[in-house]
Amino acid sequence: MPELQRLRRDHAAALLAFERENRAYFAQTIPDRGDDYFAGFDARHAELLAAQEAGLDHFHLIVDSDGEVLGRVNLVAVTTDGTAELGYRIAERATRRGLATSAVRQICVLAATAYGLTTLRAETTLDNAGSRAVLTRAGFVPTGEEVVLSGQPGLAYVRDLSDVREAAARETAAP
């Protein structure tokens, strides 16, 4: 069963393989990372870990039992008022299995309980029905704000995490 893991230094090789294997697939819906991303991957990975250690971002991988990366779920631009931006991507071969919805739900719990966040924001293009469905199933609601992502029209979403914190508190208090 796939597991959500906080990004670590030893994930580098598997993460790079994931990004390379899915590059063309991801480029169909989001901007390509470009050749520089892959050429400077090790330095970029170290930068991500440093930002995570500083509490600026929280990076996670969805990893199968063989250690293969099936997806990423990230909370970036963490603010002092408890808000962060959610981003995620799932390997082409792992889509349509509920993996994204499960991981986004899990990250909402981590955001509220482990990271002390109160609100998550996300954006997706209008033509990405799968991503819109994942966000809706995970409790995100459209803000009504229209955005442009890579030249494509999109929508902004928000997720108040107060219900997640309350549920976690009830679970902790239960005998």
C-alpha atoms as a PDB file:
ATOM      1  CA  MET A   1       0.000   0.000   0.000  1.00  0.00           C
ATOM      2  CA  PRO A   2       1.418   3.431  -0.911  1.00  0.00           C
ATOM      3  CA  GLU A   3       2.616   5.583   1.955  1.00  0.00           C
ATOM      4  CA  LEU A   4       2.929   9.352   2.332  1.00  0.00           C
ATOM      5  CA  GLN A   5       6.474  10.158   3.460  1.00  0.00           C
ATOM      6  CA  ARG A   6       8.117  13.458   4.331  1.00  0.00           C
ATOM      7  CA  LEU A   7      10.848  14.273   1.797  1.00  0.00           C
ATOM      8  CA  ARG A   8      14.300  13.053   2.844  1.00  0.00           C
ATOM      9  CA  ARG A   9      17.781  13.213   1.377  1.00  0.00           C
ATOM     10  CA  ASP A  10      17.683   9.492   0.502  1.00  0.00           C
ATOM     11  CA  HIS A  11      14.605  10.019  -1.676  1.00  0.00           C
ATOM     12  CA  ALA A  12      16.653  11.896  -4.298  1.00  0.00           C
ATOM     13  CA  ALA A  13      17.260   9.069  -6.790  1.00  0.00           C
ATOM     14  CA  ALA A  14      13.679   7.782  -6.711  1.00  0.00           C
ATOM     15  CA  LEU A  15      12.286  11.315  -6.981  1.00  0.00           C
ATOM     16  CA  LEU A  16      14.488  12.123  -9.964  1.00  0.00           C
ATOM     17  CA  ALA A  17      13.371   8.885 -11.662  1.00  0.00           C
ATOM     18  CA  PHE A  18       9.720   9.835 -11.010  1.00  0.00           C
ATOM     19  CA  GLU A  19      10.188  13.301 -12.522  1.00  0.00           C
ATOM     20  CA  ARG A  20      12.023  11.954 -15.583  1.00  0.00           C
ATOM     21  CA  GLU A  21       9.548   9.138 -16.236  1.00  0.00           C
ATOM     22  CA  ASN A  22       6.550  11.466 -16.009  1.00  0.00           C
ATOM     23  CA  ARG A  23       7.993  14.607 -17.598  1.00  0.00           C
ATOM     24  CA  ALA A  24       5.985  14.422 -20.819  1.00  0.00           C
ATOM     25  CA  TYR A  25       2.824  13.424 -18.961  1.00  0.00           C
ATOM     26  CA  PHE A  26       3.073  16.345 -16.522  1.00  0.00           C
ATOM     27  CA  ALA A  27       3.832  18.784 -19.350  1.00  0.00           C
ATOM     28  CA  GLN A  28       0.374  18.069 -20.778  1.00  0.00           C
ATOM     29  CA  THR A  29      -1.261  19.985 -17.924  1.00  0.00           C
ATOM     30  CA  ILE A  30       1.432  22.061 -16.188  1.00  0.00           C
ATOM     31  CA  PRO A  31       4.543  23.883 -17.373  1.00  0.00           C
ATOM     32  CA  ASP A  32       7.549  21.683 -18.033  1.00  0.00           C
ATOM     33  CA  ARG A  33      10.278  22.060 -15.422  1.00  0.00           C
ATOM     34  CA  GLY A  34      12.887  22.480 -18.150  1.00  0.00           C
ATOM     35  CA  ASP A  35      16.253  20.834 -18.677  1.00  0.00           C
ATOM     36  CA  ASP A  36      17.915  22.965 -15.979  1.00  0.00           C
ATOM     37  CA  TYR A  37      15.703  21.327 -13.337  1.00  0.00           C
ATOM     38  CA  PHE A  38      17.107  17.908 -14.201  1.00  0.00           C
ATOM     39  CA  ALA A  39      20.701  19.102 -14.661  1.00  0.00           C
ATOM     40  CA  GLY A  40      20.683  20.787 -11.260  1.00  0.00           C
ATOM     41  CA  PHE A  41      18.503  18.259  -9.485  1.00  0.00           C
ATOM     42  CA  ASP A  42      20.887  17.458  -6.614  1.00  0.00           C
ATOM     43  CA  ALA A  43      21.342  21.113  -5.688  1.00  0.00           C
ATOM     44  CA  ARG A  44      17.592  21.721  -5.976  1.00  0.00           C
ATOM     45  CA  HIS A  45      16.859  18.717  -3.756  1.00  0.00           C
ATOM     46  CA  ALA A  46      19.230  20.104  -1.108  1.00  0.00           C
ATOM     47  CA  GLU A  47      17.485  23.501  -1.346  1.00  0.00           C
ATOM     48  CA  LEU A  48      14.080  21.880  -0.824  1.00  0.00           C
ATOM     49  CA  LEU A  49      15.321  20.048   2.245  1.00  0.00           C
ATOM     50  CA  ALA A  50      16.779  23.274   3.657  1.00  0.00           C
ATOM     51  CA  ALA A  51      13.476  25.113   3.104  1.00  0.00           C
ATOM     52  CA  GLN A  52      11.633  22.246   4.745  1.00  0.00           C
ATOM     53  CA  GLU A  53      14.009  22.261   7.723  1.00  0.00           C
ATOM     54  CA  ALA A  54      13.379  26.008   8.092  1.00  0.00           C
ATOM     55  CA  GLY A  55       9.611  25.406   8.123  1.00  0.00           C
ATOM     56  CA  LEU A  56       9.061  27.399   4.934  1.00  0.00           C
ATOM     57  CA  ASP A  57       7.703  24.417   3.005  1.00  0.00           C
ATOM     58  CA  HIS A  58       6.660  20.812   3.653  1.00  0.00           C
ATOM     59  CA  PHE A  59       7.395  18.280   0.918  1.00  0.00           C
ATOM     60  CA  HIS A  60       5.993  14.749   0.758  1.00  0.00           C
ATOM     61  CA  LEU A  61       6.239  11.766  -1.546  1.00  0.00           C
ATOM     62  CA  ILE A  62       3.785   8.969  -2.129  1.00  0.00           C
ATOM     63  CA  VAL A  63       5.979   5.878  -2.094  1.00  0.00           C
ATOM     64  CA  ASP A  64       5.050   2.276  -2.877  1.00  0.00           C
ATOM     65  CA  SER A  65       6.352  -0.765  -1.004  1.00  0.00           C
ATOM     66  CA  ASP A  66       9.323  -1.026  -3.407  1.00  0.00           C
ATOM     67  CA  GLY A  67      10.398   2.576  -2.712  1.00  0.00           C
ATOM     68  CA  GLU A  68       9.173   3.838  -6.065  1.00  0.00           C
ATOM     69  CA  VAL A  69       7.716   7.337  -6.043  1.00  0.00           C
ATOM     70  CA  LEU A  70       4.109   7.436  -7.250  1.00  0.00           C
ATOM     71  CA  GLY A  71       3.455  11.088  -6.504  1.00  0.00           C
ATOM     72  CA  ARG A  72       4.288  14.284  -4.692  1.00  0.00           C
ATOM     73  CA  VAL A  73       2.178  16.372  -2.330  1.00  0.00           C
ATOM     74  CA  ASN A  74       3.677  19.671  -1.246  1.00  0.00           C
ATOM     75  CA  LEU A  75       2.765  22.531   1.040  1.00  0.00           C
ATOM     76  CA  VAL A  76       4.723  25.606   0.007  1.00  0.00           C
ATOM     77  CA  ALA A  77       4.878  29.272   0.909  1.00  0.00           C
ATOM     78  CA  VAL A  78       3.932  28.605   4.526  1.00  0.00           C
ATOM     79  CA  THR A  79       2.997  31.888   6.185  1.00  0.00           C
ATOM     80  CA  THR A  80       3.157  32.961   9.809  1.00  0.00           C
ATOM     81  CA  ASP A  81      -0.658  33.186   9.855  1.00  0.00           C
ATOM     82  CA  GLY A  82      -0.944  29.443   9.135  1.00  0.00           C
ATOM     83  CA  THR A  83      -1.642  29.379   5.411  1.00  0.00           C
ATOM     84  CA  ALA A  84       0.135  27.350   2.722  1.00  0.00           C
ATOM     85  CA  GLU A  85      -0.253  26.534  -0.951  1.00  0.00           C
ATOM     86  CA  LEU A  86      -1.005  22.909  -1.859  1.00  0.00           C
ATOM     87  CA  GLY A  87       0.482  21.307  -4.936  1.00  0.00           C
ATOM     88  CA  TYR A  88       0.490  17.680  -6.051  1.00  0.00           C
ATOM     89  CA  ARG A  89       1.294  15.454  -8.996  1.00  0.00           C
ATOM     90  CA  ILE A  90       0.706  11.762  -9.511  1.00  0.00           C
ATOM     91  CA  ALA A  91       2.614   9.412 -11.837  1.00  0.00           C
ATOM     92  CA  GLU A  92       0.701   8.612 -15.006  1.00  0.00           C
ATOM     93  CA  ARG A  93       0.640   4.906 -14.189  1.00  0.00           C
ATOM     94  CA  ALA A  94      -0.871   5.609 -10.745  1.00  0.00           C
ATOM     95  CA  THR A  95      -3.760   7.855 -11.794  1.00  0.00           C
ATOM     96  CA  ARG A  96      -7.449   7.043 -11.445  1.00  0.00           C
ATOM     97  CA  ARG A  97      -6.917   4.913  -8.312  1.00  0.00           C
ATOM     98  CA  GLY A  98      -7.890   7.476  -5.668  1.00  0.00           C
ATOM     99  CA  LEU A  99      -4.254   8.028  -4.751  1.00  0.00           C
ATOM    100  CA  ALA A 100      -4.367  11.814  -5.158  1.00  0.00           C
ATOM    101  CA  THR A 101      -7.556  12.176  -3.123  1.00  0.00           C
ATOM    102  CA  SER A 102      -6.178   9.981  -0.335  1.00  0.00           C
ATOM    103  CA  ALA A 103      -2.857  11.840  -0.253  1.00  0.00           C
ATOM    104  CA  VAL A 104      -4.496  15.276  -0.260  1.00  0.00           C
ATOM    105  CA  ARG A 105      -6.772  14.221   2.600  1.00  0.00           C
ATOM    106  CA  GLN A 106      -3.738  12.947   4.510  1.00  0.00           C
ATOM    107  CA  ILE A 107      -1.841  16.172   3.902  1.00  0.00           C
ATOM    108  CA  CYS A 108      -4.794  18.155   5.250  1.00  0.00           C
ATOM    109  CA  VAL A 109      -4.524  16.199   8.514  1.00  0.00           C
ATOM    110  CA  LEU A 110      -0.757  16.696   8.681  1.00  0.00           C
ATOM    111  CA  ALA A 111      -1.132  20.383   7.853  1.00  0.00           C
ATOM    112  CA  ALA A 112      -3.575  20.917  10.711  1.00  0.00           C
ATOM    113  CA  THR A 113      -2.012  18.660  13.329  1.00  0.00           C
ATOM    114  CA  ALA A 114       1.736  18.387  12.688  1.00  0.00           C
ATOM    115  CA  TYR A 115       2.383  21.735  11.006  1.00  0.00           C
ATOM    116  CA  GLY A 116      -0.167  23.915  12.818  1.00  0.00           C
ATOM    117  CA  LEU A 117      -1.672  25.297   9.616  1.00  0.00           C
ATOM    118  CA  THR A 118      -5.191  26.703   9.503  1.00  0.00           C
ATOM    119  CA  THR A 119      -5.850  27.164   5.785  1.00  0.00           C
ATOM    120  CA  LEU A 120      -4.686  25.600   2.536  1.00  0.00           C
ATOM    121  CA  ARG A 121      -4.993  27.171  -0.891  1.00  0.00           C
ATOM    122  CA  ALA A 122      -4.761  25.500  -4.285  1.00  0.00           C
ATOM    123  CA  GLU A 123      -5.189  26.397  -7.937  1.00  0.00           C
ATOM    124  CA  THR A 124      -5.964  24.332 -10.993  1.00  0.00           C
ATOM    125  CA  THR A 125      -6.932  24.932 -14.594  1.00  0.00           C
ATOM    126  CA  LEU A 126     -10.548  24.728 -15.658  1.00  0.00           C
ATOM    127  CA  ASP A 127      -9.772  21.908 -18.079  1.00  0.00           C
ATOM    128  CA  ASN A 128      -8.236  19.719 -15.348  1.00  0.00           C
ATOM    129  CA  ALA A 129     -11.408  17.976 -14.188  1.00  0.00           C
ATOM    130  CA  GLY A 130      -9.440  15.346 -12.284  1.00  0.00           C
ATOM    131  CA  SER A 131      -7.642  17.903 -10.145  1.00  0.00           C
ATOM    132  CA  ARG A 132     -10.836  19.848  -9.505  1.00  0.00           C
ATOM    133  CA  ALA A 133     -12.521  16.606  -8.376  1.00  0.00           C
ATOM    134  CA  VAL A 134      -9.628  15.737  -6.034  1.00  0.00           C
ATOM    135  CA  LEU A 135      -9.784  19.163  -4.415  1.00  0.00           C
ATOM    136  CA  THR A 136     -13.558  18.986  -3.989  1.00  0.00           C
ATOM    137  CA  ARG A 137     -13.447  15.471  -2.491  1.00  0.00           C
ATOM    138  CA  ALA A 138     -10.781  16.673  -0.036  1.00  0.00           C
ATOM    139  CA  GLY A 139     -12.976  19.536   1.189  1.00  0.00           C
ATOM    140  CA  PHE A 140     -11.593  22.422  -0.861  1.00  0.00           C
ATOM    141  CA  VAL A 141     -14.100  24.966  -2.160  1.00  0.00           C
ATOM    142  CA  PRO A 142     -13.707  27.382  -5.063  1.00  0.00           C
ATOM    143  CA  THR A 143     -13.043  30.930  -3.924  1.00  0.00           C
ATOM    144  CA  GLY A 144     -14.574  32.445  -7.040  1.00  0.00           C
ATOM    145  CA  GLU A 145     -11.193  33.936  -7.895  1.00  0.00           C
ATOM    146  CA  GLU A 146     -10.217  33.262 -11.474  1.00  0.00           C
ATOM    147  CA  VAL A 147      -6.527  32.634 -12.086  1.00  0.00           C
ATOM    148  CA  VAL A 148      -4.319  32.047 -15.098  1.00  0.00           C
ATOM    149  CA  LEU A 149      -1.955  29.081 -14.961  1.00  0.00           C
ATOM    150  CA  SER A 150       0.490  28.676 -17.834  1.00  0.00           C
ATOM    151  CA  GLY A 151      -1.767  30.797 -19.992  1.00  0.00           C
ATOM    152  CA  GLN A 152      -4.817  28.679 -19.165  1.00  0.00           C
ATOM    153  CA  PRO A 153      -7.850  29.885 -17.200  1.00  0.00           C
ATOM    154  CA  GLY A 154      -8.206  28.354 -13.779  1.00  0.00           C
ATOM    155  CA  LEU A 155      -9.814  28.604 -10.380  1.00  0.00           C
ATOM    156  CA  ALA A 156      -8.493  29.172  -6.889  1.00  0.00           C
ATOM    157  CA  TYR A 157      -9.628  26.891  -4.059  1.00  0.00           C
ATOM    158  CA  VAL A 158      -9.393  27.122  -0.286  1.00  0.00           C
ATOM    159  CA  ARG A 159      -9.633  24.588   2.550  1.00  0.00           C
ATOM    160  CA  ASP A 160     -10.303  25.702   6.115  1.00  0.00           C
ATOM    161  CA  LEU A 161      -8.667  23.130   8.383  1.00  0.00           C
ATOM    162  CA  SER A 162     -10.638  23.857  11.569  1.00  0.00           C
ATOM    163  CA  ASP A 163     -12.795  20.745  11.139  1.00  0.00           C
ATOM    164  CA  VAL A 164      -9.665  18.613  10.740  1.00  0.00           C
ATOM    165  CA  ARG A 165      -8.169  20.018  13.962  1.00  0.00           C
ATOM    166  CA  GLU A 166     -11.450  19.450  15.809  1.00  0.00           C
ATOM    167  CA  ALA A 167     -11.693  15.843  14.596  1.00  0.00           C
ATOM    168  CA  ALA A 168      -8.099  15.183  15.620  1.00  0.00           C
ATOM    169  CA  ALA A 169      -8.751  16.676  19.061  1.00  0.00           C
ATOM    170  CA  ARG A 170     -11.838  14.455  19.495  1.00  0.00           C
ATOM    171  CA  GLU A 171      -9.803  11.397  18.485  1.00  0.00           C
ATOM    172  CA  THR A 172      -7.080  12.271  20.969  1.00  0.00           C
ATOM    173  CA  ALA A 173      -9.598  12.826  23.770  1.00  0.00           C
ATOM    174  CA  ALA A 174     -11.514   9.597  23.111  1.00  0.00           C
ATOM    175  CA  PRO A 175     -10.808   6.801  25.653  1.00  0.00           C
END
